[in-house]
C-alpha atoms as a PDB file:
ATOM      1  CA  UNK A   1     161.544  99.066-181.753  1.00  0.00           C
ATOM      2  CA  UNK A   2     159.015 102.208-182.502  1.00  0.00           C
ATOM      3  CA  UNK A   3     156.894 100.226-184.342  1.00  0.00           C
ATOM      4  CA  UNK A   4     156.965  97.995-181.803  1.00  0.00           C
ATOM      5  CA  UNK A   5     156.067  99.295-178.592  1.00  0.00           C
ATOM      6  CA  UNK A   6     153.374 101.334-181.355  1.00  0.00           C
ATOM      7  CA  UNK A   7     152.576  97.308-181.043  1.00  0.00           C
ATOM      8  CA  UNK A   8     152.021  97.017-177.814  1.00  0.00           C
ATOM      9  CA  UNK A   9     149.710 100.022-177.181  1.00  0.00           C
ATOM     10  CA  UNK A  10     147.450  98.658-179.598  1.00  0.00           C
ATOM     11  CA  UNK A  11     147.418  95.705-178.184  1.00  0.00           C
ATOM     12  CA  UNK A  12     146.724  97.107-174.653  1.00  0.00           C
ATOM     13  CA  UNK A  13     143.831  99.639-175.727  1.00  0.00           C
ATOM     14  CA  UNK A  14     142.729  96.834-177.620  1.00  0.00           C
ATOM     15  CA  UNK A  15     142.966  93.485-174.207  1.00  0.00           C
ATOM     16  CA  UNK A  16     141.047  97.140-172.303  1.00  0.00           C
ATOM     17  CA  UNK A  17     137.996  96.934-174.251  1.00  0.00           C
ATOM     18  CA  UNK A  18     137.117  93.536-174.412  1.00  0.00           C
ATOM     19  CA  UNK A  19     137.967  94.017-170.483  1.00  0.00           C
ATOM     20  CA  UNK A  20     135.352  96.483-170.520  1.00  0.00           C
ATOM     21  CA  UNK A  21     133.110  94.559-173.170  1.00  0.00           C
ATOM     22  CA  UNK A  22     133.214  91.402-171.211  1.00  0.00           C
ATOM     23  CA  UNK A  23     132.327  93.219-168.032  1.00  0.00           C
ATOM     24  CA  UNK A  24     129.349  94.201-169.810  1.00  0.00           C
ATOM     25  CA  UNK A  25     128.557  90.888-171.330  1.00  0.00           C
ATOM     26  CA  UNK A  26     129.116  88.778-167.381  1.00  0.00           C
ATOM     27  CA  UNK A  27     126.859  91.579-166.430  1.00  0.00           C
ATOM     28  CA  UNK A  28     123.725  90.702-168.826  1.00  0.00           C
ATOM     29  CA  UNK A  29     124.085  87.292-168.509  1.00  0.00           C
ATOM     30  CA  UNK A  30     124.295  87.030-164.695  1.00  0.00           C
ATOM     31  CA  UNK A  31     120.692  89.172-164.070  1.00  0.00           C
ATOM     32  CA  UNK A  32     118.486  87.740-166.616  1.00  0.00           C
ATOM     33  CA  UNK A  33     115.404  86.201-164.945  1.00  0.00           C
ATOM     34  CA  UNK A  34     115.805  82.710-166.962  1.00  0.00           C
ATOM     35  CA  UNK A  35     116.397  81.556-163.559  1.00  0.00           C
ATOM     36  CA  UNK A  36     113.724  80.910-161.312  1.00  0.00           C
ATOM     37  CA  UNK A  37     115.053  79.887-158.056  1.00  0.00           C
ATOM     38  CA  UNK A  38     113.093  76.494-156.877  1.00  0.00           C
ATOM     39  CA  UNK A  39     110.516  74.504-157.801  1.00  0.00           C
ATOM     40  CA  UNK A  40     107.347  76.207-159.332  1.00  0.00           C
ATOM     41  CA  UNK A  41     104.980  76.356-156.245  1.00  0.00           C
ATOM     42  CA  UNK A  42     101.459  74.670-157.533  1.00  0.00           C
ATOM     43  CA  UNK A  43      98.374  74.518-155.736  1.00  0.00           C
ATOM     44  CA  UNK A  44      96.226  70.823-154.813  1.00  0.00           C
ATOM     45  CA  UNK A  45      93.560  71.690-157.121  1.00  0.00           C
ATOM     46  CA  UNK A  46      96.364  73.180-160.031  1.00  0.00           C
ATOM     47  CA  UNK A  47      97.826  69.099-158.548  1.00  0.00           C
ATOM     48  CA  UNK A  48      94.249  67.403-159.614  1.00  0.00           C
ATOM     49  CA  UNK A  49      93.611  69.165-162.372  1.00  0.00           C
ATOM     50  CA  UNK A  50      97.358  68.032-164.081  1.00  0.00           C
ATOM     51  CA  UNK A  51      96.380  64.246-162.048  1.00  0.00           C
ATOM     52  CA  UNK A  52      93.695  64.069-164.337  1.00  0.00           C
ATOM     53  CA  UNK A  53      93.763  64.718-167.458  1.00  0.00           C
ATOM     54  CA  UNK A  54      97.440  62.899-167.242  1.00  0.00           C
ATOM     55  CA  UNK A  55      95.580  59.704-165.896  1.00  0.00           C
ATOM     56  CA  UNK A  56      93.300  60.333-169.214  1.00  0.00           C
ATOM     57  CA  UNK A  57      95.426  60.217-171.376  1.00  0.00           C
ATOM     58  CA  UNK A  58      96.749  56.837-170.444  1.00  0.00           C
ATOM     59  CA  UNK A  59      92.934  55.830-169.623  1.00  0.00           C
ATOM     60  CA  UNK A  60      93.255  56.545-173.643  1.00  0.00           C
ATOM     61  CA  UNK A  61      96.952  54.993-174.112  1.00  0.00           C
ATOM     62  CA  UNK A  62      95.595  52.027-172.815  1.00  0.00           C
ATOM     63  CA  UNK A  63      92.475  51.615-174.281  1.00  0.00           C
ATOM     64  CA  UNK A  64      93.937  51.334-177.541  1.00  0.00           C
ATOM     65  CA  UNK A  65      96.283  48.617-176.699  1.00  0.00           C
ATOM     66  CA  UNK A  66      93.420  45.950-175.432  1.00  0.00           C
END
């Protein structure tokens, strides 16, 4: 029975280590900069440049088809 008690104590110690590791990793994951929290805001000029570039790409595709 003494061996069983030692095994139980060892498992409890391992569980405590794992709990601390999980807590540490949870803190890191929660603070990563991947979630921007909303959409990016573009200026009107930037949207116009993007739209013009897209129209140019579509014109190029349509010119090849017909």
